[in-house]
Every structure is written in C-alpha cells, then in structure tokens.
Amino acid sequence: MAGFGSLAPKTKNLVVAGGLTGFVFGVYFYTMRAVGGSDELQVAIDKFEAQKIENEPAAAAASASK
C-alpha cells in the first residue's frame, strides 16, 4: 500500500476498479453457489404436496360418511 500513492491517477483507478470488480464477482458466484447448491425446501414442499394428494381421498370419504 505504500507504493500506491506514487502511481499515476489512471493506474490507481484501474487498480481500484479491478479490486471492486473482483469483489463483486466473488460475492455473485458465492451467492449463486450458496443459493443454488441444494433445493431442500423445494423437495420438502413436493413431499408435503404428494402426501396431501394421497390423503385427500381418505379425508373426503371420512367427511362424506358423517
């Protein structure tokens, strides 16, 4: 960092722009990997809906007999 002050203004801008671009891409790819890594919630929702569909005929028959 000590040598950063002696650089030309355009060079400083390029260094800062490169650092910021690297940071943004790093955060983007980390987020995409974290979000898209596993879809456990969707699997749980699908299982719940399948159980609900299986239980609907039994529930309808029980309410019809009352």
PDB file of N, CA and C in Angstrom:
ATOM      1  N   MET A   1       0.818  -1.196   0.000  1.00  0.00           N
ATOM      2  CA  MET A   1       0.000   0.000   0.000  1.00  0.00           C
ATOM      3  C   MET A   1       0.857   1.254   0.000  1.00  0.00           C
ATOM      4  N   ALA A   2       2.095   1.155   0.445  1.00  0.00           N
ATOM      5  CA  ALA A   2       2.948   2.337   0.487  1.00  0.00           C
ATOM      6  C   ALA A   2       3.244   2.841  -0.919  1.00  0.00           C
ATOM      7  N   GLY A   3       3.390   1.946  -1.887  1.00  0.00           N
ATOM      8  CA  GLY A   3       3.690   2.348  -3.247  1.00  0.00           C
ATOM      9  C   GLY A   3       2.471   2.807  -4.023  1.00  0.00           C
ATOM     10  N   PHE A   4       1.293   2.653  -3.468  1.00  0.00           N
ATOM     11  CA  PHE A   4       0.052   3.021  -4.156  1.00  0.00           C
ATOM     12  C   PHE A   4      -0.017   4.519  -4.417  1.00  0.00           C
ATOM     13  N   GLY A   5       0.505   5.342  -3.530  1.00  0.00           N
ATOM     14  CA  GLY A   5       0.452   6.796  -3.677  1.00  0.00           C
ATOM     15  C   GLY A   5       1.308   7.311  -4.802  1.00  0.00           C
ATOM     16  N   SER A   6       2.341   6.558  -5.177  1.00  0.00           N
ATOM     17  CA  SER A   6       3.235   7.030  -6.234  1.00  0.00           C
ATOM     18  C   SER A   6       2.752   6.654  -7.630  1.00  0.00           C
ATOM     19  N   LEU A   7       1.662   5.947  -7.742  1.00  0.00           N
ATOM     20  CA  LEU A   7       1.138   5.552  -9.050  1.00  0.00           C
ATOM     21  C   LEU A   7       0.386   6.705  -9.703  1.00  0.00           C
ATOM     22  N   ALA A   8       0.277   6.654 -11.028  1.00  0.00           N
ATOM     23  CA  ALA A   8      -0.469   7.672 -11.767  1.00  0.00           C
ATOM     24  C   ALA A   8      -1.959   7.529 -11.457  1.00  0.00           C
ATOM     25  N   PRO A   9      -2.722   8.612 -11.577  1.00  0.00           N
ATOM     26  CA  PRO A   9      -4.159   8.554 -11.254  1.00  0.00           C
ATOM     27  C   PRO A   9      -4.919   7.487 -12.047  1.00  0.00           C
ATOM     28  N   LYS A  10      -4.623   7.334 -13.352  1.00  0.00           N
ATOM     29  CA  LYS A  10      -5.321   6.317 -14.139  1.00  0.00           C
ATOM     30  C   LYS A  10      -4.981   4.923 -13.636  1.00  0.00           C
ATOM     31  N   THR A  11      -3.748   4.723 -13.238  1.00  0.00           N
ATOM     32  CA  THR A  11      -3.330   3.415 -12.732  1.00  0.00           C
ATOM     33  C   THR A  11      -4.030   3.120 -11.409  1.00  0.00           C
ATOM     34  N   LYS A  12      -4.146   4.139 -10.561  1.00  0.00           N
ATOM     35  CA  LYS A  12      -4.873   3.968  -9.295  1.00  0.00           C
ATOM     36  C   LYS A  12      -6.324   3.574  -9.574  1.00  0.00           C
ATOM     37  N   ASN A  13      -6.934   4.262 -10.537  1.00  0.00           N
ATOM     38  CA  ASN A  13      -8.321   3.959 -10.882  1.00  0.00           C
ATOM     39  C   ASN A  13      -8.461   2.521 -11.380  1.00  0.00           C
ATOM     40  N   LEU A  14      -7.520   2.075 -12.203  1.00  0.00           N
ATOM     41  CA  LEU A  14      -7.565   0.705 -12.709  1.00  0.00           C
ATOM     42  C   LEU A  14      -7.399  -0.314 -11.589  1.00  0.00           C
ATOM     43  N   VAL A  15      -6.525  -0.032 -10.647  1.00  0.00           N
ATOM     44  CA  VAL A  15      -6.326  -0.947  -9.522  1.00  0.00           C
ATOM     45  C   VAL A  15      -7.597  -1.023  -8.673  1.00  0.00           C
ATOM     46  N   VAL A  16      -8.200   0.114  -8.390  1.00  0.00           N
ATOM     47  CA  VAL A  16      -9.430   0.143  -7.600  1.00  0.00           C
ATOM     48  C   VAL A  16     -10.566  -0.539  -8.363  1.00  0.00           C
ATOM     49  N   ALA A  17     -10.691  -0.255  -9.647  1.00  0.00           N
ATOM     50  CA  ALA A  17     -11.745  -0.874 -10.455  1.00  0.00           C
ATOM     51  C   ALA A  17     -11.556  -2.392 -10.511  1.00  0.00           C
ATOM     52  N   GLY A  18     -10.335  -2.837 -10.660  1.00  0.00           N
ATOM     53  CA  GLY A  18     -10.067  -4.277 -10.679  1.00  0.00           C
ATOM     54  C   GLY A  18     -10.411  -4.930  -9.350  1.00  0.00           C
ATOM     55  N   GLY A  19     -10.057  -4.275  -8.262  1.00  0.00           N
ATOM     56  CA  GLY A  19     -10.386  -4.816  -6.943  1.00  0.00           C
ATOM     57  C   GLY A  19     -11.879  -4.877  -6.703  1.00  0.00           C
ATOM     58  N   LEU A  20     -12.590  -3.830  -7.065  1.00  0.00           N
ATOM     59  CA  LEU A  20     -14.040  -3.812  -6.888  1.00  0.00           C
ATOM     60  C   LEU A  20     -14.728  -4.845  -7.787  1.00  0.00           C
ATOM     61  N   THR A  21     -14.252  -4.964  -9.024  1.00  0.00           N
ATOM     62  CA  THR A  21     -14.832  -5.949  -9.942  1.00  0.00           C
ATOM     63  C   THR A  21     -14.608  -7.361  -9.414  1.00  0.00           C
ATOM     64  N   GLY A  22     -13.416  -7.625  -8.934  1.00  0.00           N
ATOM     65  CA  GLY A  22     -13.133  -8.937  -8.346  1.00  0.00           C
ATOM     66  C   GLY A  22     -14.015  -9.223  -7.144  1.00  0.00           C
ATOM     67  N   PHE A  23     -14.214  -8.227  -6.300  1.00  0.00           N
ATOM     68  CA  PHE A  23     -15.068  -8.393  -5.134  1.00  0.00           C
ATOM     69  C   PHE A  23     -16.507  -8.685  -5.540  1.00  0.00           C
ATOM     70  N   VAL A  24     -17.038  -7.923  -6.503  1.00  0.00           N
ATOM     71  CA  VAL A  24     -18.425  -8.107  -6.945  1.00  0.00           C
ATOM     72  C   VAL A  24     -18.620  -9.497  -7.541  1.00  0.00           C
ATOM     73  N   PHE A  25     -17.699  -9.934  -8.407  1.00  0.00           N
ATOM     74  CA  PHE A  25     -17.824 -11.265  -8.996  1.00  0.00           C
ATOM     75  C   PHE A  25     -17.685 -12.353  -7.934  1.00  0.00           C
ATOM     76  N   GLY A  26     -16.815 -12.135  -6.964  1.00  0.00           N
ATOM     77  CA  GLY A  26     -16.675 -13.102  -5.880  1.00  0.00           C
ATOM     78  C   GLY A  26     -17.962 -13.256  -5.089  1.00  0.00           C
ATOM     79  N   VAL A  27     -18.591 -12.142  -4.735  1.00  0.00           N
ATOM     80  CA  VAL A  27     -19.852 -12.176  -3.995  1.00  0.00           C
ATOM     81  C   VAL A  27     -20.947 -12.817  -4.844  1.00  0.00           C
ATOM     82  N   TYR A  28     -20.984 -12.501  -6.126  1.00  0.00           N
ATOM     83  CA  TYR A  28     -22.002 -13.058  -7.020  1.00  0.00           C
ATOM     84  C   TYR A  28     -21.876 -14.577  -7.098  1.00  0.00           C
ATOM     85  N   PHE A  29     -20.675 -15.081  -7.360  1.00  0.00           N
ATOM     86  CA  PHE A  29     -20.507 -16.517  -7.502  1.00  0.00           C
ATOM     87  C   PHE A  29     -20.704 -17.249  -6.178  1.00  0.00           C
ATOM     88  N   TYR A  30     -20.286 -16.634  -5.075  1.00  0.00           N
ATOM     89  CA  TYR A  30     -20.539 -17.238  -3.764  1.00  0.00           C
ATOM     90  C   TYR A  30     -22.041 -17.349  -3.510  1.00  0.00           C
ATOM     91  N   THR A  31     -22.773 -16.283  -3.821  1.00  0.00           N
ATOM     92  CA  THR A  31     -24.213 -16.272  -3.598  1.00  0.00           C
ATOM     93  C   THR A  31     -24.915 -17.293  -4.481  1.00  0.00           C
ATOM     94  N   MET A  32     -24.540 -17.365  -5.740  1.00  0.00           N
ATOM     95  CA  MET A  32     -25.161 -18.330  -6.642  1.00  0.00           C
ATOM     96  C   MET A  32     -24.896 -19.763  -6.188  1.00  0.00           C
ATOM     97  N   ARG A  33     -23.703 -20.022  -5.685  1.00  0.00           N
ATOM     98  CA  ARG A  33     -23.388 -21.360  -5.194  1.00  0.00           C
ATOM     99  C   ARG A  33     -24.159 -21.670  -3.917  1.00  0.00           C
ATOM    100  N   ALA A  34     -24.280 -20.686  -3.042  1.00  0.00           N
ATOM    101  CA  ALA A  34     -24.992 -20.901  -1.779  1.00  0.00           C
ATOM    102  C   ALA A  34     -26.485 -21.089  -2.014  1.00  0.00           C
ATOM    103  N   VAL A  35     -27.062 -20.325  -2.902  1.00  0.00           N
ATOM    104  CA  VAL A  35     -28.495 -20.402  -3.154  1.00  0.00           C
ATOM    105  C   VAL A  35     -28.842 -21.632  -3.994  1.00  0.00           C
ATOM    106  N   GLY A  36     -28.058 -21.891  -5.004  1.00  0.00           N
ATOM    107  CA  GLY A  36     -28.366 -22.980  -5.912  1.00  0.00           C
ATOM    108  C   GLY A  36     -27.777 -24.313  -5.521  1.00  0.00           C
ATOM    109  N   GLY A  37     -27.057 -24.360  -4.412  1.00  0.00           N
ATOM    110  CA  GLY A  37     -26.382 -25.585  -4.024  1.00  0.00           C
ATOM    111  C   GLY A  37     -27.317 -26.740  -3.761  1.00  0.00           C
ATOM    112  N   SER A  38     -28.341 -26.516  -2.998  1.00  0.00           N
ATOM    113  CA  SER A  38     -29.305 -27.575  -2.723  1.00  0.00           C
ATOM    114  C   SER A  38     -30.695 -26.962  -2.661  1.00  0.00           C
ATOM    115  N   ASP A  39     -31.645 -27.744  -3.071  1.00  0.00           N
ATOM    116  CA  ASP A  39     -33.010 -27.247  -3.130  1.00  0.00           C
ATOM    117  C   ASP A  39     -33.858 -28.019  -2.117  1.00  0.00           C
ATOM    118  N   GLU A  40     -33.390 -28.052  -0.873  1.00  0.00           N
ATOM    119  CA  GLU A  40     -34.041 -28.835   0.163  1.00  0.00           C
ATOM    120  C   GLU A  40     -35.461 -28.358   0.436  1.00  0.00           C
ATOM    121  N   LEU A  41     -35.680 -27.069   0.385  1.00  0.00           N
ATOM    122  CA  LEU A  41     -37.011 -26.538   0.659  1.00  0.00           C
ATOM    123  C   LEU A  41     -37.998 -26.999  -0.408  1.00  0.00           C
ATOM    124  N   GLN A  42     -37.594 -26.953  -1.676  1.00  0.00           N
ATOM    125  CA  GLN A  42     -38.491 -27.384  -2.737  1.00  0.00           C
ATOM    126  C   GLN A  42     -38.794 -28.871  -2.633  1.00  0.00           C
ATOM    127  N   VAL A  43     -37.809 -29.681  -2.249  1.00  0.00           N
ATOM    128  CA  VAL A  43     -38.032 -31.119  -2.069  1.00  0.00           C
ATOM    129  C   VAL A  43     -39.044 -31.350  -0.946  1.00  0.00           C
ATOM    130  N   ALA A  44     -38.926 -30.606   0.143  1.00  0.00           N
ATOM    131  CA  ALA A  44     -39.864 -30.740   1.255  1.00  0.00           C
ATOM    132  C   ALA A  44     -41.273 -30.330   0.834  1.00  0.00           C
ATOM    133  N   ILE A  45     -41.390 -29.273   0.048  1.00  0.00           N
ATOM    134  CA  ILE A  45     -42.707 -28.827  -0.427  1.00  0.00           C
ATOM    135  C   ILE A  45     -43.326 -29.886  -1.324  1.00  0.00           C
ATOM    136  N   ASP A  46     -42.525 -30.466  -2.214  1.00  0.00           N
ATOM    137  CA  ASP A  46     -43.044 -31.510  -3.106  1.00  0.00           C
ATOM    138  C   ASP A  46     -43.517 -32.730  -2.322  1.00  0.00           C
ATOM    139  N   LYS A  47     -42.777 -33.126  -1.284  1.00  0.00           N
ATOM    140  CA  LYS A  47     -43.199 -34.267  -0.454  1.00  0.00           C
ATOM    141  C   LYS A  47     -44.504 -33.960   0.267  1.00  0.00           C
ATOM    142  N   PHE A  48     -44.628 -32.749   0.805  1.00  0.00           N
ATOM    143  CA  PHE A  48     -45.836 -32.349   1.503  1.00  0.00           C
ATOM    144  C   PHE A  48     -47.037 -32.369   0.570  1.00  0.00           C
ATOM    145  N   GLU A  49     -46.863 -31.844  -0.650  1.00  0.00           N
ATOM    146  CA  GLU A  49     -47.972 -31.829  -1.605  1.00  0.00           C
ATOM    147  C   GLU A  49     -48.361 -33.245  -2.025  1.00  0.00           C
ATOM    148  N   ALA A  50     -47.375 -34.140  -2.162  1.00  0.00           N
ATOM    149  CA  ALA A  50     -47.676 -35.525  -2.516  1.00  0.00           C
ATOM    150  C   ALA A  50     -48.468 -36.207  -1.396  1.00  0.00           C
ATOM    151  N   GLN A  51     -48.082 -35.959  -0.150  1.00  0.00           N
ATOM    152  CA  GLN A  51     -48.823 -36.527   0.982  1.00  0.00           C
ATOM    153  C   GLN A  51     -50.236 -35.958   1.040  1.00  0.00           C
ATOM    154  N   LYS A  52     -50.368 -34.685   0.749  1.00  0.00           N
ATOM    155  CA  LYS A  52     -51.673 -34.030   0.768  1.00  0.00           C
ATOM    156  C   LYS A  52     -52.589 -34.652  -0.284  1.00  0.00           C
ATOM    157  N   ILE A  53     -52.062 -34.904  -1.474  1.00  0.00           N
ATOM    158  CA  ILE A  53     -52.854 -35.510  -2.543  1.00  0.00           C
ATOM    159  C   ILE A  53     -53.258 -36.932  -2.168  1.00  0.00           C
ATOM    160  N   GLU A  54     -52.344 -37.679  -1.537  1.00  0.00           N
ATOM    161  CA  GLU A  54     -52.654 -39.048  -1.120  1.00  0.00           C
ATOM    162  C   GLU A  54     -53.727 -39.074  -0.037  1.00  0.00           C
ATOM    163  N   ASN A  55     -53.722 -38.097   0.849  1.00  0.00           N
ATOM    164  CA  ASN A  55     -54.651 -38.076   1.979  1.00  0.00           C
ATOM    165  C   ASN A  55     -56.003 -37.459   1.635  1.00  0.00           C
ATOM    166  N   GLU A  56     -56.139 -36.757   0.527  1.00  0.00           N
ATOM    167  CA  GLU A  56     -57.404 -36.118   0.171  1.00  0.00           C
ATOM    168  C   GLU A  56     -58.545 -37.116  -0.033  1.00  0.00           C
ATOM    169  N   PRO A  57     -58.351 -38.226  -0.746  1.00  0.00           N
ATOM    170  CA  PRO A  57     -59.478 -39.173  -0.898  1.00  0.00           C
ATOM    171  C   PRO A  57     -59.946 -39.759   0.433  1.00  0.00           C
ATOM    172  N   ALA A  58     -59.024 -40.030   1.343  1.00  0.00           N
ATOM    173  CA  ALA A  58     -59.398 -40.570   2.646  1.00  0.00           C
ATOM    174  C   ALA A  58     -60.159 -39.525   3.463  1.00  0.00           C
ATOM    175  N   ALA A  59     -59.724 -38.289   3.380  1.00  0.00           N
ATOM    176  CA  ALA A  59     -60.403 -37.233   4.105  1.00  0.00           C
ATOM    177  C   ALA A  59     -61.787 -36.966   3.530  1.00  0.00           C
ATOM    178  N   ALA A  60     -61.922 -37.048   2.225  1.00  0.00           N
ATOM    179  CA  ALA A  60     -63.211 -36.829   1.579  1.00  0.00           C
ATOM    180  C   ALA A  60     -64.177 -37.957   1.937  1.00  0.00           C
ATOM    181  N   ALA A  61     -63.684 -39.186   1.991  1.00  0.00           N
ATOM    182  CA  ALA A  61     -64.524 -40.322   2.352  1.00  0.00           C
ATOM    183  C   ALA A  61     -64.958 -40.239   3.802  1.00  0.00           C
ATOM    184  N   ALA A  62     -64.080 -39.790   4.678  1.00  0.00           N
ATOM    185  CA  ALA A  62     -64.417 -39.680   6.093  1.00  0.00           C
ATOM    186  C   ALA A  62     -65.472 -38.587   6.327  1.00  0.00           C
ATOM    187  N   SER A  63     -65.359 -37.472   5.591  1.00  0.00           N
ATOM    188  CA  SER A  63     -66.339 -36.396   5.787  1.00  0.00           C
ATOM    189  C   SER A  63     -67.686 -36.752   5.134  1.00  0.00           C
ATOM    190  N   ALA A  64     -67.667 -37.576   4.111  1.00  0.00           N
ATOM    191  CA  ALA A  64     -68.902 -37.961   3.443  1.00  0.00           C
ATOM    192  C   ALA A  64     -69.705 -38.951   4.294  1.00  0.00           C
ATOM    193  N   SER A  65     -69.027 -39.753   5.100  1.00  0.00           N
ATOM    194  CA  SER A  65     -69.713 -40.750   5.920  1.00  0.00           C
ATOM    195  C   SER A  65     -70.313 -40.137   7.186  1.00  0.00           C
ATOM    196  N   LYS A  66     -69.995 -38.905   7.502  1.00  0.00           N
ATOM    197  CA  LYS A  66     -70.524 -38.278   8.717  1.00  0.00           C
ATOM    198  C   LYS A  66     -71.887 -37.720   8.501  1.00  0.00           C
TER     199      LYS A  66
END
